[in-house]
Amino acid sequence: MAPIDRTVVADAGPLIHLDELGCLDLLADFGAVVVPDAVWREVERHRPRALVLAADFLTRQAESGTGGWGDLSDGWAGGPRAPRGLCY
């Protein structure tokens, strides 16, 4: 399957359950997988091995003064410039 040229923002549930199924590698098909800091900490607490196994294609998004979205806040938080097809 060809890589999908999209950036996705991951939540803890899918990361944890994809690891339980042994399918974290499916996320490598996306252009970038961003994990907000709060999500990273939750996965670290419940399934730390998922972060180790997926370290090559996960990007931890550090919290900032913009509610945790950092430089993604210019449209990624549901603003008028949010990409089409973004799931909330």
C-alpha atoms as a PDB file:
ATOM      1  CA  MET A   1       0.000   0.000   0.000  1.00  0.00           C
ATOM      2  CA  ALA A   2       1.316   3.461  -0.887  1.00  0.00           C
ATOM      3  CA  PRO A   3       1.940   5.896   1.989  1.00  0.00           C
ATOM      4  CA  ILE A   4      -0.868   8.337   2.741  1.00  0.00           C
ATOM      5  CA  ASP A   5       0.384  11.916   2.530  1.00  0.00           C
ATOM      6  CA  ARG A   6      -1.571  13.134   5.573  1.00  0.00           C
ATOM      7  CA  THR A   7      -0.727  14.210   9.068  1.00  0.00           C
ATOM      8  CA  VAL A   8      -2.894  12.578  11.712  1.00  0.00           C
ATOM      9  CA  VAL A   9      -3.252  13.377  15.400  1.00  0.00           C
ATOM     10  CA  ALA A  10      -3.412  10.213  17.501  1.00  0.00           C
ATOM     11  CA  ASP A  11      -5.453   9.579  20.615  1.00  0.00           C
ATOM     12  CA  ALA A  12      -4.449   7.149  23.359  1.00  0.00           C
ATOM     13  CA  GLY A  13      -7.154   4.549  22.731  1.00  0.00           C
ATOM     14  CA  PRO A  14      -6.179   3.713  19.156  1.00  0.00           C
ATOM     15  CA  LEU A  15      -2.471   3.625  20.040  1.00  0.00           C
ATOM     16  CA  ILE A  16      -3.064   1.285  22.969  1.00  0.00           C
ATOM     17  CA  HIS A  17      -5.392  -1.032  21.062  1.00  0.00           C
ATOM     18  CA  LEU A  18      -3.328  -1.116  17.877  1.00  0.00           C
ATOM     19  CA  ASP A  19      -0.427  -2.230  20.069  1.00  0.00           C
ATOM     20  CA  GLU A  20      -2.591  -4.921  21.690  1.00  0.00           C
ATOM     21  CA  LEU A  21      -3.402  -6.214  18.200  1.00  0.00           C
ATOM     22  CA  GLY A  22       0.210  -6.011  17.060  1.00  0.00           C
ATOM     23  CA  CYS A  23      -0.777  -3.525  14.347  1.00  0.00           C
ATOM     24  CA  LEU A  24       1.018  -0.296  15.279  1.00  0.00           C
ATOM     25  CA  ASP A  25       2.905  -0.523  12.004  1.00  0.00           C
ATOM     26  CA  LEU A  26      -0.303   0.503  10.194  1.00  0.00           C
ATOM     27  CA  LEU A  27       0.351   4.057  11.398  1.00  0.00           C
ATOM     28  CA  ALA A  28       3.615   4.144   9.448  1.00  0.00           C
ATOM     29  CA  ASP A  29       1.529   4.537   6.271  1.00  0.00           C
ATOM     30  CA  PHE A  30       0.678   8.131   7.229  1.00  0.00           C
ATOM     31  CA  GLY A  31       2.944  11.060   6.382  1.00  0.00           C
ATOM     32  CA  ALA A  32       3.169  12.037  10.057  1.00  0.00           C
ATOM     33  CA  VAL A  33       1.556  10.825  13.267  1.00  0.00           C
ATOM     34  CA  VAL A  34       1.457  13.549  15.922  1.00  0.00           C
ATOM     35  CA  VAL A  35       0.814  12.572  19.540  1.00  0.00           C
ATOM     36  CA  PRO A  36      -0.168  15.426  21.887  1.00  0.00           C
ATOM     37  CA  ASP A  37       1.808  15.430  25.126  1.00  0.00           C
ATOM     38  CA  ALA A  38      -1.200  14.510  27.301  1.00  0.00           C
ATOM     39  CA  VAL A  39      -1.925  11.522  25.037  1.00  0.00           C
ATOM     40  CA  TRP A  40       1.742  10.511  25.111  1.00  0.00           C
ATOM     41  CA  ARG A  41       1.675  10.481  28.928  1.00  0.00           C
ATOM     42  CA  GLU A  42      -1.515   8.388  28.980  1.00  0.00           C
ATOM     43  CA  VAL A  43      -0.059   5.792  26.616  1.00  0.00           C
ATOM     44  CA  GLU A  44       3.180   5.854  28.608  1.00  0.00           C
ATOM     45  CA  ARG A  45       1.186   5.029  31.750  1.00  0.00           C
ATOM     46  CA  HIS A  46      -0.974   2.241  30.260  1.00  0.00           C
ATOM     47  CA  ARG A  47       1.067   0.763  27.395  1.00  0.00           C
ATOM     48  CA  PRO A  48       4.624   2.147  27.348  1.00  0.00           C
ATOM     49  CA  ARG A  49       5.805  -0.525  24.929  1.00  0.00           C
ATOM     50  CA  ALA A  50       3.606   1.041  22.205  1.00  0.00           C
ATOM     51  CA  LEU A  51       5.724   4.197  22.279  1.00  0.00           C
ATOM     52  CA  VAL A  52       8.924   2.194  21.984  1.00  0.00           C
ATOM     53  CA  LEU A  53       7.666   0.057  19.096  1.00  0.00           C
ATOM     54  CA  ALA A  54       6.303   3.046  17.178  1.00  0.00           C
ATOM     55  CA  ALA A  55       9.135   5.477  17.967  1.00  0.00           C
ATOM     56  CA  ASP A  56      10.192   5.686  14.306  1.00  0.00           C
ATOM     57  CA  PHE A  57       6.909   7.210  13.127  1.00  0.00           C
ATOM     58  CA  LEU A  58       5.375   8.985  16.151  1.00  0.00           C
ATOM     59  CA  THR A  59       6.070  12.649  16.861  1.00  0.00           C
ATOM     60  CA  ARG A  60       5.441  13.903  20.376  1.00  0.00           C
ATOM     61  CA  GLN A  61       3.794  17.338  20.329  1.00  0.00           C
ATOM     62  CA  ALA A  62       4.948  19.207  23.429  1.00  0.00           C
ATOM     63  CA  GLU A  63       2.393  21.283  25.269  1.00  0.00           C
ATOM     64  CA  SER A  64       2.568  25.027  24.890  1.00  0.00           C
ATOM     65  CA  GLY A  65       0.462  28.010  25.854  1.00  0.00           C
ATOM     66  CA  THR A  66      -2.093  27.079  23.161  1.00  0.00           C
ATOM     67  CA  GLY A  67      -3.871  24.318  25.029  1.00  0.00           C
ATOM     68  CA  GLY A  68      -1.446  21.587  24.026  1.00  0.00           C
ATOM     69  CA  TRP A  69      -1.700  22.010  20.253  1.00  0.00           C
ATOM     70  CA  GLY A  70       1.527  23.973  19.853  1.00  0.00           C
ATOM     71  CA  ASP A  71       2.165  25.039  16.274  1.00  0.00           C
ATOM     72  CA  LEU A  72      -0.784  22.969  15.036  1.00  0.00           C
ATOM     73  CA  SER A  73      -3.241  25.509  16.487  1.00  0.00           C
ATOM     74  CA  ASP A  74      -3.432  27.526  13.261  1.00  0.00           C
ATOM     75  CA  GLY A  75      -6.376  25.560  11.923  1.00  0.00           C
ATOM     76  CA  TRP A  76      -5.890  22.083  13.369  1.00  0.00           C
ATOM     77  CA  ALA A  77      -8.059  22.741  16.392  1.00  0.00           C
ATOM     78  CA  GLY A  78     -11.159  23.000  14.224  1.00  0.00           C
ATOM     79  CA  GLY A  79     -10.615  26.563  13.040  1.00  0.00           C
ATOM     80  CA  PRO A  80     -11.553  27.843   9.611  1.00  0.00           C
ATOM     81  CA  ARG A  81      -8.402  26.421   8.016  1.00  0.00           C
ATOM     82  CA  ALA A  82      -8.840  22.867   9.320  1.00  0.00           C
ATOM     83  CA  PRO A  83      -7.981  20.309   6.636  1.00  0.00           C
ATOM     84  CA  ARG A  84     -10.835  18.523   4.928  1.00  0.00           C
ATOM     85  CA  GLY A  85     -11.537  15.110   6.332  1.00  0.00           C
ATOM     86  CA  LEU A  86     -10.077  15.819   9.777  1.00  0.00           C
ATOM     87  CA  CYS A  87     -11.892  13.687  12.342  1.00  0.00           C
ATOM     88  CA  TYR A  88     -12.824  15.237  15.663  1.00  0.00           C
END
